[in-house]
Amino acid sequence: MKQAIIVTGNLIEPNTIRLDESVPFANGKVRVIIENLETSKRTSWEVLAEIRKRQQDRNFKPSLKEDIDKYLSLERDSWE
């Protein structure tokens, strides 16, 4: 049975990776899948602004407080 593990590391050169921890394999051929883990440079406010803009672009209408309260009241009444 093949064993696979996930470990992070740093790409030092286009063909060199330095792993953050040792792996439990003997020397030999392995398969490596690269995923970029760099964090976003956007602030939380920028992300929220983008979400708001996309909602406005598609004419999203948030639920009204009264509608939410009515729904919750009906749901709670069904519990009894």
PDB file of N, CA and C in Angstrom:
ATOM      1  N   MET A   1       0.845  -1.182   0.000  1.00  0.00           N
ATOM      2  CA  MET A   1       0.000   0.000   0.000  1.00  0.00           C
ATOM      3  C   MET A   1       0.891   1.246   0.000  1.00  0.00           C
ATOM      4  N   LYS A   2       0.550   2.222  -0.836  1.00  0.00           N
ATOM      5  CA  LYS A   2       1.319   3.454  -0.903  1.00  0.00           C
ATOM      6  C   LYS A   2       0.991   4.335   0.295  1.00  0.00           C
ATOM      7  N   GLN A   3       2.015   4.994   0.809  1.00  0.00           N
ATOM      8  CA  GLN A   3       1.831   5.913   1.922  1.00  0.00           C
ATOM      9  C   GLN A   3       2.058   7.331   1.407  1.00  0.00           C
ATOM     10  N   ALA A   4       1.185   8.243   1.781  1.00  0.00           N
ATOM     11  CA  ALA A   4       1.336   9.640   1.379  1.00  0.00           C
ATOM     12  C   ALA A   4       1.265  10.508   2.617  1.00  0.00           C
ATOM     13  N   ILE A   5       2.055  11.551   2.629  1.00  0.00           N
ATOM     14  CA  ILE A   5       2.026  12.505   3.737  1.00  0.00           C
ATOM     15  C   ILE A   5       1.991  13.910   3.154  1.00  0.00           C
ATOM     16  N   ILE A   6       1.568  14.862   3.969  1.00  0.00           N
ATOM     17  CA  ILE A   6       1.583  16.263   3.573  1.00  0.00           C
ATOM     18  C   ILE A   6       2.568  16.976   4.480  1.00  0.00           C
ATOM     19  N   VAL A   7       3.488  17.701   3.873  1.00  0.00           N
ATOM     20  CA  VAL A   7       4.489  18.443   4.630  1.00  0.00           C
ATOM     21  C   VAL A   7       4.709  19.766   3.900  1.00  0.00           C
ATOM     22  N   THR A   8       4.932  20.830   4.644  1.00  0.00           N
ATOM     23  CA  THR A   8       5.195  22.119   4.022  1.00  0.00           C
ATOM     24  C   THR A   8       6.696  22.335   3.889  1.00  0.00           C
ATOM     25  N   GLY A   9       7.061  23.305   3.100  1.00  0.00           N
ATOM     26  CA  GLY A   9       8.464  23.625   2.907  1.00  0.00           C
ATOM     27  C   GLY A   9       8.599  24.904   2.120  1.00  0.00           C
ATOM     28  N   ASN A  10       9.806  25.199   1.728  1.00  0.00           N
ATOM     29  CA  ASN A  10      10.094  26.410   0.970  1.00  0.00           C
ATOM     30  C   ASN A  10      10.778  26.050  -0.341  1.00  0.00           C
ATOM     31  N   LEU A  11      10.344  26.697  -1.404  1.00  0.00           N
ATOM     32  CA  LEU A  11      10.968  26.528  -2.704  1.00  0.00           C
ATOM     33  C   LEU A  11      12.203  27.423  -2.726  1.00  0.00           C
ATOM     34  N   ILE A  12      13.374  26.810  -2.741  1.00  0.00           N
ATOM     35  CA  ILE A  12      14.636  27.530  -2.682  1.00  0.00           C
ATOM     36  C   ILE A  12      15.075  27.962  -4.078  1.00  0.00           C
ATOM     37  N   GLU A  13      14.982  27.061  -5.017  1.00  0.00           N
ATOM     38  CA  GLU A  13      15.276  27.304  -6.426  1.00  0.00           C
ATOM     39  C   GLU A  13      14.195  26.579  -7.212  1.00  0.00           C
ATOM     40  N   PRO A  14      14.105  26.808  -8.508  1.00  0.00           N
ATOM     41  CA  PRO A  14      13.061  26.142  -9.292  1.00  0.00           C
ATOM     42  C   PRO A  14      13.031  24.619  -9.147  1.00  0.00           C
ATOM     43  N   ASN A  15      14.158  24.001  -8.780  1.00  0.00           N
ATOM     44  CA  ASN A  15      14.183  22.542  -8.644  1.00  0.00           C
ATOM     45  C   ASN A  15      14.676  22.094  -7.264  1.00  0.00           C
ATOM     46  N   THR A  16      14.595  22.976  -6.251  1.00  0.00           N
ATOM     47  CA  THR A  16      15.042  22.625  -4.905  1.00  0.00           C
ATOM     48  C   THR A  16      14.003  23.053  -3.870  1.00  0.00           C
ATOM     49  N   ILE A  17      13.593  22.083  -3.050  1.00  0.00           N
ATOM     50  CA  ILE A  17      12.616  22.346  -1.992  1.00  0.00           C
ATOM     51  C   ILE A  17      13.245  21.979  -0.652  1.00  0.00           C
ATOM     52  N   ARG A  18      13.152  22.859   0.323  1.00  0.00           N
ATOM     53  CA  ARG A  18      13.614  22.552   1.678  1.00  0.00           C
ATOM     54  C   ARG A  18      12.361  22.297   2.529  1.00  0.00           C
ATOM     55  N   LEU A  19      12.207  21.055   3.006  1.00  0.00           N
ATOM     56  CA  LEU A  19      11.038  20.667   3.795  1.00  0.00           C
ATOM     57  C   LEU A  19      11.161  21.165   5.227  1.00  0.00           C
ATOM     58  N   ASP A  20      10.032  21.466   5.842  1.00  0.00           N
ATOM     59  CA  ASP A  20      10.010  21.940   7.220  1.00  0.00           C
ATOM     60  C   ASP A  20      10.236  20.824   8.229  1.00  0.00           C
ATOM     61  N   GLU A  21      10.078  19.584   7.804  1.00  0.00           N
ATOM     62  CA  GLU A  21      10.301  18.448   8.695  1.00  0.00           C
ATOM     63  C   GLU A  21      10.765  17.243   7.879  1.00  0.00           C
ATOM     64  N   SER A  22      11.343  16.291   8.542  1.00  0.00           N
ATOM     65  CA  SER A  22      11.797  15.070   7.871  1.00  0.00           C
ATOM     66  C   SER A  22      10.613  14.206   7.496  1.00  0.00           C
ATOM     67  N   VAL A  23      10.809  13.398   6.471  1.00  0.00           N
ATOM     68  CA  VAL A  23       9.755  12.475   6.046  1.00  0.00           C
ATOM     69  C   VAL A  23      10.184  11.044   6.359  1.00  0.00           C
ATOM     70  N   PRO A  24       9.212  10.156   6.634  1.00  0.00           N
ATOM     71  CA  PRO A  24       9.537   8.788   7.046  1.00  0.00           C
ATOM     72  C   PRO A  24       9.774   7.829   5.882  1.00  0.00           C
ATOM     73  N   PHE A  25      10.451   8.284   4.838  1.00  0.00           N
ATOM     74  CA  PHE A  25      10.719   7.439   3.687  1.00  0.00           C
ATOM     75  C   PHE A  25      12.222   7.241   3.536  1.00  0.00           C
ATOM     76  N   ALA A  26      12.585   6.118   2.971  1.00  0.00           N
ATOM     77  CA  ALA A  26      13.991   5.897   2.609  1.00  0.00           C
ATOM     78  C   ALA A  26      14.280   6.688   1.339  1.00  0.00           C
ATOM     79  N   ASN A  27      15.565   6.847   1.033  1.00  0.00           N
ATOM     80  CA  ASN A  27      15.920   7.546  -0.204  1.00  0.00           C
ATOM     81  C   ASN A  27      15.293   6.833  -1.389  1.00  0.00           C
ATOM     82  N   GLY A  28      14.869   7.580  -2.346  1.00  0.00           N
ATOM     83  CA  GLY A  28      14.267   7.005  -3.544  1.00  0.00           C
ATOM     84  C   GLY A  28      13.387   8.027  -4.234  1.00  0.00           C
ATOM     85  N   LYS A  29      12.717   7.590  -5.251  1.00  0.00           N
ATOM     86  CA  LYS A  29      11.880   8.464  -6.053  1.00  0.00           C
ATOM     87  C   LYS A  29      10.557   8.728  -5.330  1.00  0.00           C
ATOM     88  N   VAL A  30      10.117   9.991  -5.346  1.00  0.00           N
ATOM     89  CA  VAL A  30       8.846  10.385  -4.735  1.00  0.00           C
ATOM     90  C   VAL A  30       8.085  11.284  -5.704  1.00  0.00           C
ATOM     91  N   ARG A  31       6.817  11.437  -5.457  1.00  0.00           N
ATOM     92  CA  ARG A  31       5.997  12.355  -6.234  1.00  0.00           C
ATOM     93  C   ARG A  31       5.761  13.599  -5.390  1.00  0.00           C
ATOM     94  N   VAL A  32       5.908  14.765  -5.980  1.00  0.00           N
ATOM     95  CA  VAL A  32       5.733  16.030  -5.276  1.00  0.00           C
ATOM     96  C   VAL A  32       4.658  16.836  -5.995  1.00  0.00           C
ATOM     97  N   ILE A  33       3.672  17.304  -5.245  1.00  0.00           N
ATOM     98  CA  ILE A  33       2.634  18.190  -5.784  1.00  0.00           C
ATOM     99  C   ILE A  33       2.841  19.543  -5.115  1.00  0.00           C
ATOM    100  N   ILE A  34       2.993  20.582  -5.890  1.00  0.00           N
ATOM    101  CA  ILE A  34       3.297  21.901  -5.357  1.00  0.00           C
ATOM    102  C   ILE A  34       2.018  22.731  -5.275  1.00  0.00           C
ATOM    103  N   GLU A  35       1.786  23.342  -4.122  1.00  0.00           N
ATOM    104  CA  GLU A  35       0.668  24.258  -3.919  1.00  0.00           C
ATOM    105  C   GLU A  35       1.230  25.523  -3.285  1.00  0.00           C
ATOM    106  N   ASN A  36       0.968  26.655  -3.892  1.00  0.00           N
ATOM    107  CA  ASN A  36       1.467  27.912  -3.366  1.00  0.00           C
ATOM    108  C   ASN A  36       0.689  28.275  -2.100  1.00  0.00           C
ATOM    109  N   LEU A  37       1.400  28.465  -0.993  1.00  0.00           N
ATOM    110  CA  LEU A  37       0.760  28.775   0.281  1.00  0.00           C
ATOM    111  C   LEU A  37       0.933  30.234   0.692  1.00  0.00           C
ATOM    112  N   GLU A  38       1.404  31.064  -0.221  1.00  0.00           N
ATOM    113  CA  GLU A  38       1.562  32.484   0.110  1.00  0.00           C
ATOM    114  C   GLU A  38       0.204  33.066   0.482  1.00  0.00           C
ATOM    115  N   THR A  39       0.195  33.879   1.505  1.00  0.00           N
ATOM    116  CA  THR A  39      -1.054  34.471   1.963  1.00  0.00           C
ATOM    117  C   THR A  39      -1.418  35.668   1.095  1.00  0.00           C
ATOM    118  N   SER A  40      -2.674  35.981   1.106  1.00  0.00           N
ATOM    119  CA  SER A  40      -3.172  37.107   0.330  1.00  0.00           C
ATOM    120  C   SER A  40      -2.643  38.417   0.905  1.00  0.00           C
ATOM    121  N   LYS A  41      -2.352  39.336   0.036  1.00  0.00           N
ATOM    122  CA  LYS A  41      -1.872  40.649   0.457  1.00  0.00           C
ATOM    123  C   LYS A  41      -3.039  41.609   0.714  1.00  0.00           C
ATOM    124  N   ARG A  42      -4.267  41.146   0.493  1.00  0.00           N
ATOM    125  CA  ARG A  42      -5.434  42.008   0.700  1.00  0.00           C
ATOM    126  C   ARG A  42      -5.821  42.029   2.172  1.00  0.00           C
ATOM    127  N   THR A  43      -6.324  43.162   2.594  1.00  0.00           N
ATOM    128  CA  THR A  43      -6.795  43.274   3.973  1.00  0.00           C
ATOM    129  C   THR A  43      -8.212  42.707   4.060  1.00  0.00           C
ATOM    130  N   SER A  44      -8.654  42.492   5.277  1.00  0.00           N
ATOM    131  CA  SER A  44     -10.022  42.008   5.490  1.00  0.00           C
ATOM    132  C   SER A  44     -11.036  42.987   4.915  1.00  0.00           C
ATOM    133  N   TRP A  45     -10.762  44.271   5.066  1.00  0.00           N
ATOM    134  CA  TRP A  45     -11.685  45.291   4.551  1.00  0.00           C
ATOM    135  C   TRP A  45     -11.762  45.240   3.035  1.00  0.00           C
ATOM    136  N   GLU A  46     -10.646  44.978   2.379  1.00  0.00           N
ATOM    137  CA  GLU A  46     -10.644  44.874   0.918  1.00  0.00           C
ATOM    138  C   GLU A  46     -11.448  43.662   0.453  1.00  0.00           C
ATOM    139  N   VAL A  47     -11.315  42.556   1.168  1.00  0.00           N
ATOM    140  CA  VAL A  47     -12.085  41.355   0.827  1.00  0.00           C
ATOM    141  C   VAL A  47     -13.578  41.618   1.016  1.00  0.00           C
ATOM    142  N   LEU A  48     -13.942  42.241   2.140  1.00  0.00           N
ATOM    143  CA  LEU A  48     -15.359  42.555   2.387  1.00  0.00           C
ATOM    144  C   LEU A  48     -15.899  43.514   1.331  1.00  0.00           C
ATOM    145  N   ALA A  49     -15.102  44.500   0.933  1.00  0.00           N
ATOM    146  CA  ALA A  49     -15.533  45.436  -0.108  1.00  0.00           C
ATOM    147  C   ALA A  49     -15.770  44.711  -1.426  1.00  0.00           C
ATOM    148  N   GLU A  50     -14.902  43.744  -1.750  1.00  0.00           N
ATOM    149  CA  GLU A  50     -15.081  42.971  -2.982  1.00  0.00           C
ATOM    150  C   GLU A  50     -16.361  42.132  -2.912  1.00  0.00           C
ATOM    151  N   ILE A  51     -16.611  41.514  -1.767  1.00  0.00           N
ATOM    152  CA  ILE A  51     -17.836  40.720  -1.589  1.00  0.00           C
ATOM    153  C   ILE A  51     -19.060  41.610  -1.777  1.00  0.00           C
ATOM    154  N   ARG A  52     -19.042  42.791  -1.137  1.00  0.00           N
ATOM    155  CA  ARG A  52     -20.170  43.730  -1.248  1.00  0.00           C
ATOM    156  C   ARG A  52     -20.387  44.145  -2.701  1.00  0.00           C
ATOM    157  N   LYS A  53     -19.290  44.428  -3.416  1.00  0.00           N
ATOM    158  CA  LYS A  53     -19.408  44.837  -4.820  1.00  0.00           C
ATOM    159  C   LYS A  53     -20.013  43.722  -5.666  1.00  0.00           C
ATOM    160  N   ARG A  54     -19.559  42.490  -5.460  1.00  0.00           N
ATOM    161  CA  ARG A  54     -20.116  41.365  -6.226  1.00  0.00           C
ATOM    162  C   ARG A  54     -21.596  41.178  -5.920  1.00  0.00           C
ATOM    163  N   GLN A  55     -21.976  41.364  -4.654  1.00  0.00           N
ATOM    164  CA  GLN A  55     -23.390  41.255  -4.294  1.00  0.00           C
ATOM    165  C   GLN A  55     -24.203  42.335  -5.000  1.00  0.00           C
ATOM    166  N   GLN A  56     -23.695  43.556  -5.012  1.00  0.00           N
ATOM    167  CA  GLN A  56     -24.398  44.648  -5.679  1.00  0.00           C
ATOM    168  C   GLN A  56     -24.488  44.405  -7.177  1.00  0.00           C
ATOM    169  N   ASP A  57     -23.417  43.880  -7.771  1.00  0.00           N
ATOM    170  CA  ASP A  57     -23.407  43.605  -9.215  1.00  0.00           C
ATOM    171  C   ASP A  57     -24.480  42.598  -9.606  1.00  0.00           C
ATOM    172  N   ARG A  58     -24.799  41.679  -8.726  1.00  0.00           N
ATOM    173  CA  ARG A  58     -25.825  40.682  -9.047  1.00  0.00           C
ATOM    174  C   ARG A  58     -27.164  40.994  -8.379  1.00  0.00           C
ATOM    175  N   ASN A  59     -27.309  42.237  -7.892  1.00  0.00           N
ATOM    176  CA  ASN A  59     -28.556  42.721  -7.280  1.00  0.00           C
ATOM    177  C   ASN A  59     -28.992  41.887  -6.082  1.00  0.00           C
ATOM    178  N   PHE A  60     -28.024  41.427  -5.310  1.00  0.00           N
ATOM    179  CA  PHE A  60     -28.321  40.667  -4.102  1.00  0.00           C
ATOM    180  C   PHE A  60     -29.016  41.570  -3.088  1.00  0.00           C
ATOM    181  N   LYS A  61     -30.121  41.096  -2.527  1.00  0.00           N
ATOM    182  CA  LYS A  61     -30.851  41.823  -1.499  1.00  0.00           C
ATOM    183  C   LYS A  61     -30.782  41.009  -0.206  1.00  0.00           C
ATOM    184  N   PRO A  62     -30.097  41.523   0.805  1.00  0.00           N
ATOM    185  CA  PRO A  62     -30.010  40.771   2.060  1.00  0.00           C
ATOM    186  C   PRO A  62     -31.375  40.664   2.723  1.00  0.00           C
ATOM    187  N   SER A  63     -31.540  39.631   3.536  1.00  0.00           N
ATOM    188  CA  SER A  63     -32.800  39.440   4.251  1.00  0.00           C
ATOM    189  C   SER A  63     -33.023  40.579   5.237  1.00  0.00           C
ATOM    190  N   LEU A  64     -34.270  40.980   5.373  1.00  0.00           N
ATOM    191  CA  LEU A  64     -34.614  42.005   6.348  1.00  0.00           C
ATOM    192  C   LEU A  64     -34.679  41.388   7.738  1.00  0.00           C
ATOM    193  N   LYS A  65     -34.405  42.184   8.745  1.00  0.00           N
ATOM    194  CA  LYS A  65     -34.441  41.713  10.126  1.00  0.00           C
ATOM    195  C   LYS A  65     -35.803  41.110  10.445  1.00  0.00           C
ATOM    196  N   GLU A  66     -36.861  41.763   9.986  1.00  0.00           N
ATOM    197  CA  GLU A  66     -38.215  41.275  10.264  1.00  0.00           C
ATOM    198  C   GLU A  66     -38.446  39.884   9.673  1.00  0.00           C
ATOM    199  N   ASP A  67     -37.933  39.658   8.460  1.00  0.00           N
ATOM    200  CA  ASP A  67     -38.091  38.350   7.826  1.00  0.00           C
ATOM    201  C   ASP A  67     -37.313  37.268   8.583  1.00  0.00           C
ATOM    202  N   ILE A  68     -36.132  37.600   9.042  1.00  0.00           N
ATOM    203  CA  ILE A  68     -35.329  36.645   9.804  1.00  0.00           C
ATOM    204  C   ILE A  68     -36.005  36.333  11.135  1.00  0.00           C
ATOM    205  N   ASP A  69     -36.492  37.360  11.821  1.00  0.00           N
ATOM    206  CA  ASP A  69     -37.180  37.157  13.097  1.00  0.00           C
ATOM    207  C   ASP A  69     -38.419  36.283  12.921  1.00  0.00           C
ATOM    208  N   LYS A  70     -39.166  36.516  11.840  1.00  0.00           N
ATOM    209  CA  LYS A  70     -40.371  35.718  11.576  1.00  0.00           C
ATOM    210  C   LYS A  70     -39.996  34.256  11.331  1.00  0.00           C
ATOM    211  N   TYR A  71     -38.963  34.040  10.516  1.00  0.00           N
ATOM    212  CA  TYR A  71     -38.506  32.682  10.227  1.00  0.00           C
ATOM    213  C   TYR A  71     -38.078  31.976  11.517  1.00  0.00           C
ATOM    214  N   LEU A  72     -37.292  32.662  12.340  1.00  0.00           N
ATOM    215  CA  LEU A  72     -36.814  32.054  13.583  1.00  0.00           C
ATOM    216  C   LEU A  72     -37.973  31.745  14.525  1.00  0.00           C
ATOM    217  N   SER A  73     -38.928  32.626  14.586  1.00  0.00           N
ATOM    218  CA  SER A  73     -40.091  32.393  15.437  1.00  0.00           C
ATOM    219  C   SER A  73     -40.866  31.153  14.982  1.00  0.00           C
ATOM    220  N   LEU A  74     -41.098  31.047  13.678  1.00  0.00           N
ATOM    221  CA  LEU A  74     -41.796  29.866  13.144  1.00  0.00           C
ATOM    222  C   LEU A  74     -40.997  28.591  13.404  1.00  0.00           C
ATOM    223  N   GLU A  75     -39.694  28.656  13.230  1.00  0.00           N
ATOM    224  CA  GLU A  75     -38.844  27.488  13.459  1.00  0.00           C
ATOM    225  C   GLU A  75     -38.892  27.067  14.922  1.00  0.00           C
ATOM    226  N   ARG A  76     -38.780  28.028  15.810  1.00  0.00           N
ATOM    227  CA  ARG A  76     -38.815  27.708  17.254  1.00  0.00           C
ATOM    228  C   ARG A  76     -40.173  27.163  17.674  1.00  0.00           C
ATOM    229  N   ASP A  77     -41.244  27.683  17.097  1.00  0.00           N
ATOM    230  CA  ASP A  77     -42.586  27.181  17.415  1.00  0.00           C
ATOM    231  C   ASP A  77     -42.742  25.732  16.994  1.00  0.00           C
ATOM    232  N   SER A  78     -42.048  25.318  15.947  1.00  0.00           N
ATOM    233  CA  SER A  78     -42.163  23.941  15.472  1.00  0.00           C
ATOM    234  C   SER A  78     -41.455  22.944  16.391  1.00  0.00           C
ATOM    235  N   TRP A  79     -40.610  23.440  17.283  1.00  0.00           N
ATOM    236  CA  TRP A  79     -39.887  22.567  18.195  1.00  0.00           C
ATOM    237  C   TRP A  79     -40.765  22.047  19.318  1.00  0.00           C
ATOM    238  N   GLU A  80     -41.834  22.742  19.582  1.00  0.00           N
ATOM    239  CA  GLU A  80     -42.680  22.386  20.754  1.00  0.00           C
ATOM    240  C   GLU A  80     -43.695  21.329  20.439  1.00  0.00           C
TER     241      GLU A  80
END
